[in-house]
Amino acid sequence: MMTGIAGLGILIQSVLLFFPDRLWHSVSLWIGLATAVLAVLHSYRSLDRALDYDERTAQRRIYSGYLVRYFSVAAILVLTCLIPQLHPLLTFAGVITWKAAAYLQPFIHKFCNHYFHETDPTPVTEEEYQASLAREREEGASSEAGSSAGAGEGAPVDDPAH
């Protein structure tokens, strides 16, 4: 999400270079972008914390986090309306990159995986996971048994004199 917000912010900023009063346009935009980043971080944090509770409490926590984010965004927009040098529409454009980045996130994710040569983990069922853990334990036990059995039988394997 942060990559999408930053990319869209740079794109909007490059368009603003062609307008007069660039400083205040840029300040207004970057106030909106900072608000969007803080909203994403707050969203992540509140959802992560809410998942630790039962369903009813989690729903209340998620809803209260939602209200905090939207009232905070509204307060930022009201403040930019009250300061004559700032441009509320550009602040709103910065904030709305949050939503646009959410829509672009799957494409950005695929691009980053391709660019950094990464792959997403393959989901497995609980039974497959437990079976793989059992196999790892068996392999670990057999390798420990093999190494301790050969330990007292003369010279080490990589000894050139043997």
C-alpha atoms as a PDB file:
ATOM      1  CA  MET A   1       0.000   0.000   0.000  1.00  0.00           C
ATOM      2  CA  MET A   2       2.783   2.405   0.890  1.00  0.00           C
ATOM      3  CA  THR A   3       4.404   1.835  -2.498  1.00  0.00           C
ATOM      4  CA  GLY A   4       1.137   2.661  -4.248  1.00  0.00           C
ATOM      5  CA  ILE A   5       0.574   5.792  -2.180  1.00  0.00           C
ATOM      6  CA  ALA A   6       4.139   6.983  -2.801  1.00  0.00           C
ATOM      7  CA  GLY A   7       3.954   6.210  -6.522  1.00  0.00           C
ATOM      8  CA  LEU A   8       0.659   8.016  -6.956  1.00  0.00           C
ATOM      9  CA  GLY A   9       1.966  10.926  -4.890  1.00  0.00           C
ATOM     10  CA  ILE A  10       4.995  11.261  -7.143  1.00  0.00           C
ATOM     11  CA  LEU A  11       2.746  11.088 -10.199  1.00  0.00           C
ATOM     12  CA  ILE A  12       0.466  13.864  -8.887  1.00  0.00           C
ATOM     13  CA  GLN A  13       3.486  15.901  -7.787  1.00  0.00           C
ATOM     14  CA  SER A  14       4.971  15.709 -11.278  1.00  0.00           C
ATOM     15  CA  VAL A  15       1.741  17.138 -12.711  1.00  0.00           C
ATOM     16  CA  LEU A  16       1.808  19.954 -10.130  1.00  0.00           C
ATOM     17  CA  LEU A  17       5.184  21.108 -11.446  1.00  0.00           C
ATOM     18  CA  PHE A  18       3.359  22.775 -14.330  1.00  0.00           C
ATOM     19  CA  PHE A  19       1.205  25.004 -12.088  1.00  0.00           C
ATOM     20  CA  PRO A  20       2.045  28.273 -10.347  1.00  0.00           C
ATOM     21  CA  ASP A  21       2.298  28.391  -6.542  1.00  0.00           C
ATOM     22  CA  ARG A  22       4.065  25.021  -6.539  1.00  0.00           C
ATOM     23  CA  LEU A  23       5.167  25.220  -2.910  1.00  0.00           C
ATOM     24  CA  TRP A  24       1.686  25.401  -1.395  1.00  0.00           C
ATOM     25  CA  HIS A  25       0.312  22.926  -3.902  1.00  0.00           C
ATOM     26  CA  SER A  26       3.022  20.481  -2.884  1.00  0.00           C
ATOM     27  CA  VAL A  27       2.539  21.091   0.836  1.00  0.00           C
ATOM     28  CA  SER A  28      -1.197  20.471   0.468  1.00  0.00           C
ATOM     29  CA  LEU A  29      -0.624  17.271  -1.482  1.00  0.00           C
ATOM     30  CA  TRP A  30       1.973  15.884   0.920  1.00  0.00           C
ATOM     31  CA  ILE A  31      -0.260  16.623   3.921  1.00  0.00           C
ATOM     32  CA  GLY A  32      -2.857  14.412   2.241  1.00  0.00           C
ATOM     33  CA  LEU A  33      -0.297  11.724   1.434  1.00  0.00           C
ATOM     34  CA  ALA A  34       0.987  11.700   5.013  1.00  0.00           C
ATOM     35  CA  THR A  35      -2.610  11.400   6.218  1.00  0.00           C
ATOM     36  CA  ALA A  36      -3.133   8.445   3.865  1.00  0.00           C
ATOM     37  CA  VAL A  37       0.005   6.684   5.134  1.00  0.00           C
ATOM     38  CA  LEU A  38      -1.005   7.228   8.765  1.00  0.00           C
ATOM     39  CA  ALA A  39      -4.502   5.935   7.982  1.00  0.00           C
ATOM     40  CA  VAL A  40      -3.066   2.763   6.431  1.00  0.00           C
ATOM     41  CA  LEU A  41      -0.814   2.193   9.437  1.00  0.00           C
ATOM     42  CA  HIS A  42      -3.701   2.781  11.837  1.00  0.00           C
ATOM     43  CA  SER A  43      -5.911   0.442   9.827  1.00  0.00           C
ATOM     44  CA  TYR A  44      -3.292  -2.315   9.992  1.00  0.00           C
ATOM     45  CA  ARG A  45      -2.721  -1.813  13.706  1.00  0.00           C
ATOM     46  CA  SER A  46      -6.403  -1.723  14.649  1.00  0.00           C
ATOM     47  CA  LEU A  47      -7.230  -4.799  12.550  1.00  0.00           C
ATOM     48  CA  ASP A  48      -4.267  -6.697  13.947  1.00  0.00           C
ATOM     49  CA  ARG A  49      -5.308  -5.923  17.505  1.00  0.00           C
ATOM     50  CA  ALA A  50      -8.985  -6.662  16.879  1.00  0.00           C
ATOM     51  CA  LEU A  51      -8.186 -10.186  15.716  1.00  0.00           C
ATOM     52  CA  ASP A  52      -7.062 -11.045  19.252  1.00  0.00           C
ATOM     53  CA  TYR A  53     -10.636 -10.707  20.579  1.00  0.00           C
ATOM     54  CA  ASP A  54     -13.867 -12.642  20.253  1.00  0.00           C
ATOM     55  CA  GLU A  55     -16.097 -11.838  17.266  1.00  0.00           C
ATOM     56  CA  ARG A  56     -18.377  -9.315  18.979  1.00  0.00           C
ATOM     57  CA  THR A  57     -15.545  -7.349  20.595  1.00  0.00           C
ATOM     58  CA  ALA A  58     -13.506  -7.496  17.377  1.00  0.00           C
ATOM     59  CA  GLN A  59     -16.389  -5.975  15.405  1.00  0.00           C
ATOM     60  CA  ARG A  60     -16.668  -3.113  17.902  1.00  0.00           C
ATOM     61  CA  ARG A  61     -12.923  -2.496  17.821  1.00  0.00           C
ATOM     62  CA  ILE A  62     -12.822  -2.500  14.026  1.00  0.00           C
ATOM     63  CA  TYR A  63     -15.760  -0.106  13.857  1.00  0.00           C
ATOM     64  CA  SER A  64     -14.239   2.253  16.441  1.00  0.00           C
ATOM     65  CA  GLY A  65     -10.934   2.228  14.501  1.00  0.00           C
ATOM     66  CA  TYR A  66     -12.874   3.067  11.359  1.00  0.00           C
ATOM     67  CA  LEU A  67     -14.524   6.033  13.083  1.00  0.00           C
ATOM     68  CA  VAL A  68     -11.199   7.306  14.431  1.00  0.00           C
ATOM     69  CA  ARG A  69      -9.643   7.183  10.947  1.00  0.00           C
ATOM     70  CA  TYR A  70     -12.474   8.947   9.187  1.00  0.00           C
ATOM     71  CA  PHE A  71     -12.905  11.655  11.803  1.00  0.00           C
ATOM     72  CA  SER A  72      -9.140  12.235  11.709  1.00  0.00           C
ATOM     73  CA  VAL A  73      -9.198  12.572   7.922  1.00  0.00           C
ATOM     74  CA  ALA A  74     -12.163  14.938   8.186  1.00  0.00           C
ATOM     75  CA  ALA A  75     -10.302  17.051  10.758  1.00  0.00           C
ATOM     76  CA  ILE A  76      -7.246  17.286   8.480  1.00  0.00           C
ATOM     77  CA  LEU A  77      -9.449  18.355   5.573  1.00  0.00           C
ATOM     78  CA  VAL A  78     -11.208  20.979   7.709  1.00  0.00           C
ATOM     79  CA  LEU A  79      -7.828  22.340   8.839  1.00  0.00           C
ATOM     80  CA  THR A  80      -6.650  22.654   5.238  1.00  0.00           C
ATOM     81  CA  CYS A  81      -9.864  24.540   4.455  1.00  0.00           C
ATOM     82  CA  LEU A  82      -9.152  26.988   7.283  1.00  0.00           C
ATOM     83  CA  ILE A  83      -5.572  27.802   6.218  1.00  0.00           C
ATOM     84  CA  PRO A  84      -5.804  30.089   3.177  1.00  0.00           C
ATOM     85  CA  GLN A  85      -2.490  29.050   1.569  1.00  0.00           C
ATOM     86  CA  LEU A  86      -3.395  25.351   1.477  1.00  0.00           C
ATOM     87  CA  HIS A  87      -5.532  23.738  -1.187  1.00  0.00           C
ATOM     88  CA  PRO A  88      -8.116  21.308   0.255  1.00  0.00           C
ATOM     89  CA  LEU A  89      -8.677  19.576  -3.088  1.00  0.00           C
ATOM     90  CA  LEU A  90      -5.008  18.661  -3.319  1.00  0.00           C
ATOM     91  CA  THR A  91      -5.063  17.441   0.270  1.00  0.00           C
ATOM     92  CA  PHE A  92      -8.095  15.338  -0.627  1.00  0.00           C
ATOM     93  CA  ALA A  93      -6.236  14.052  -3.712  1.00  0.00           C
ATOM     94  CA  GLY A  94      -3.407  12.961  -1.406  1.00  0.00           C
ATOM     95  CA  VAL A  95      -5.812  11.232   0.970  1.00  0.00           C
ATOM     96  CA  ILE A  96      -7.688   9.492  -1.845  1.00  0.00           C
ATOM     97  CA  THR A  97      -4.458   7.843  -3.026  1.00  0.00           C
ATOM     98  CA  TRP A  98      -5.118   5.507  -0.082  1.00  0.00           C
ATOM     99  CA  LYS A  99      -8.147   4.128  -1.908  1.00  0.00           C
ATOM    100  CA  ALA A 100      -6.468   4.093  -5.322  1.00  0.00           C
ATOM    101  CA  ALA A 101      -3.444   2.269  -3.852  1.00  0.00           C
ATOM    102  CA  ALA A 102      -5.790  -0.375  -2.426  1.00  0.00           C
ATOM    103  CA  TYR A 103      -7.135  -1.055  -5.924  1.00  0.00           C
ATOM    104  CA  LEU A 104      -3.631  -1.088  -7.417  1.00  0.00           C
ATOM    105  CA  GLN A 105      -2.155  -3.284  -4.679  1.00  0.00           C
ATOM    106  CA  PRO A 106      -2.532  -6.654  -6.500  1.00  0.00           C
ATOM    107  CA  PHE A 107      -0.765  -5.259  -9.578  1.00  0.00           C
ATOM    108  CA  ILE A 108       1.987  -3.637  -7.504  1.00  0.00           C
ATOM    109  CA  HIS A 109       2.423  -6.894  -5.589  1.00  0.00           C
ATOM    110  CA  LYS A 110       2.855  -8.889  -8.822  1.00  0.00           C
ATOM    111  CA  PHE A 111       5.306  -6.301 -10.159  1.00  0.00           C
ATOM    112  CA  CYS A 112       7.378  -6.370  -6.948  1.00  0.00           C
ATOM    113  CA  ASN A 113       7.428 -10.189  -6.933  1.00  0.00           C
ATOM    114  CA  HIS A 114       8.631 -10.178 -10.534  1.00  0.00           C
ATOM    115  CA  TYR A 115      11.169  -7.389 -10.005  1.00  0.00           C
ATOM    116  CA  PHE A 116      12.668  -8.866  -6.807  1.00  0.00           C
ATOM    117  CA  HIS A 117      12.409 -12.495  -8.029  1.00  0.00           C
ATOM    118  CA  GLU A 118      10.163 -13.546  -5.151  1.00  0.00           C
ATOM    119  CA  THR A 119       7.214 -15.897  -4.961  1.00  0.00           C
ATOM    120  CA  ASP A 120       4.274 -16.028  -2.621  1.00  0.00           C
ATOM    121  CA  PRO A 121       4.072 -18.990  -0.260  1.00  0.00           C
ATOM    122  CA  THR A 122       1.764 -21.786  -1.352  1.00  0.00           C
ATOM    123  CA  PRO A 123      -1.115 -22.239   1.073  1.00  0.00           C
ATOM    124  CA  VAL A 124      -1.350 -25.662   2.730  1.00  0.00           C
ATOM    125  CA  THR A 125      -4.028 -27.326   4.793  1.00  0.00           C
ATOM    126  CA  GLU A 126      -3.521 -28.034   8.488  1.00  0.00           C
ATOM    127  CA  GLU A 127      -3.131 -31.769   7.735  1.00  0.00           C
ATOM    128  CA  GLU A 128      -0.412 -31.106   5.131  1.00  0.00           C
ATOM    129  CA  TYR A 129       1.393 -28.826   7.563  1.00  0.00           C
ATOM    130  CA  GLN A 130       1.286 -31.394  10.377  1.00  0.00           C
ATOM    131  CA  ALA A 131       2.528 -34.104   7.985  1.00  0.00           C
ATOM    132  CA  SER A 132       5.478 -31.941   6.911  1.00  0.00           C
ATOM    133  CA  LEU A 133       6.366 -31.286  10.559  1.00  0.00           C
ATOM    134  CA  ALA A 134       6.285 -35.021  11.266  1.00  0.00           C
ATOM    135  CA  ARG A 135       8.563 -35.692   8.259  1.00  0.00           C
ATOM    136  CA  GLU A 136      11.019 -33.031   9.453  1.00  0.00           C
ATOM    137  CA  ARG A 137      11.094 -34.567  12.939  1.00  0.00           C
ATOM    138  CA  GLU A 138      11.725 -38.033  11.473  1.00  0.00           C
ATOM    139  CA  GLU A 139      14.511 -36.735   9.211  1.00  0.00           C
ATOM    140  CA  GLY A 140      16.086 -34.877  12.122  1.00  0.00           C
ATOM    141  CA  ALA A 141      15.957 -37.946  14.340  1.00  0.00           C
ATOM    142  CA  SER A 142      17.439 -40.224  11.658  1.00  0.00           C
ATOM    143  CA  SER A 143      20.270 -37.794  10.880  1.00  0.00           C
ATOM    144  CA  GLU A 144      21.133 -37.481  14.589  1.00  0.00           C
ATOM    145  CA  ALA A 145      21.152 -41.260  14.956  1.00  0.00           C
ATOM    146  CA  GLY A 146      23.409 -41.647  11.896  1.00  0.00           C
ATOM    147  CA  SER A 147      25.886 -39.030  13.086  1.00  0.00           C
ATOM    148  CA  SER A 148      26.141 -40.419  16.624  1.00  0.00           C
ATOM    149  CA  ALA A 149      26.534 -44.032  15.389  1.00  0.00           C
ATOM    150  CA  GLY A 150      29.542 -43.224  13.217  1.00  0.00           C
ATOM    151  CA  ALA A 151      31.205 -40.888  15.719  1.00  0.00           C
ATOM    152  CA  GLY A 152      33.227 -43.526  17.550  1.00  0.00           C
ATOM    153  CA  GLU A 153      34.308 -45.524  14.494  1.00  0.00           C
ATOM    154  CA  GLY A 154      37.719 -44.116  13.700  1.00  0.00           C
ATOM    155  CA  ALA A 155      38.698 -41.033  11.739  1.00  0.00           C
ATOM    156  CA  PRO A 156      36.265 -38.383  10.477  1.00  0.00           C
ATOM    157  CA  VAL A 157      35.001 -38.788   6.911  1.00  0.00           C
ATOM    158  CA  ASP A 158      36.685 -35.670   5.508  1.00  0.00           C
ATOM    159  CA  ASP A 159      40.090 -36.611   6.951  1.00  0.00           C
ATOM    160  CA  PRO A 160      42.429 -36.983   3.922  1.00  0.00           C
ATOM    161  CA  ALA A 161      44.641 -39.482   5.759  1.00  0.00           C
ATOM    162  CA  HIS A 162      41.813 -41.975   6.184  1.00  0.00           C
END
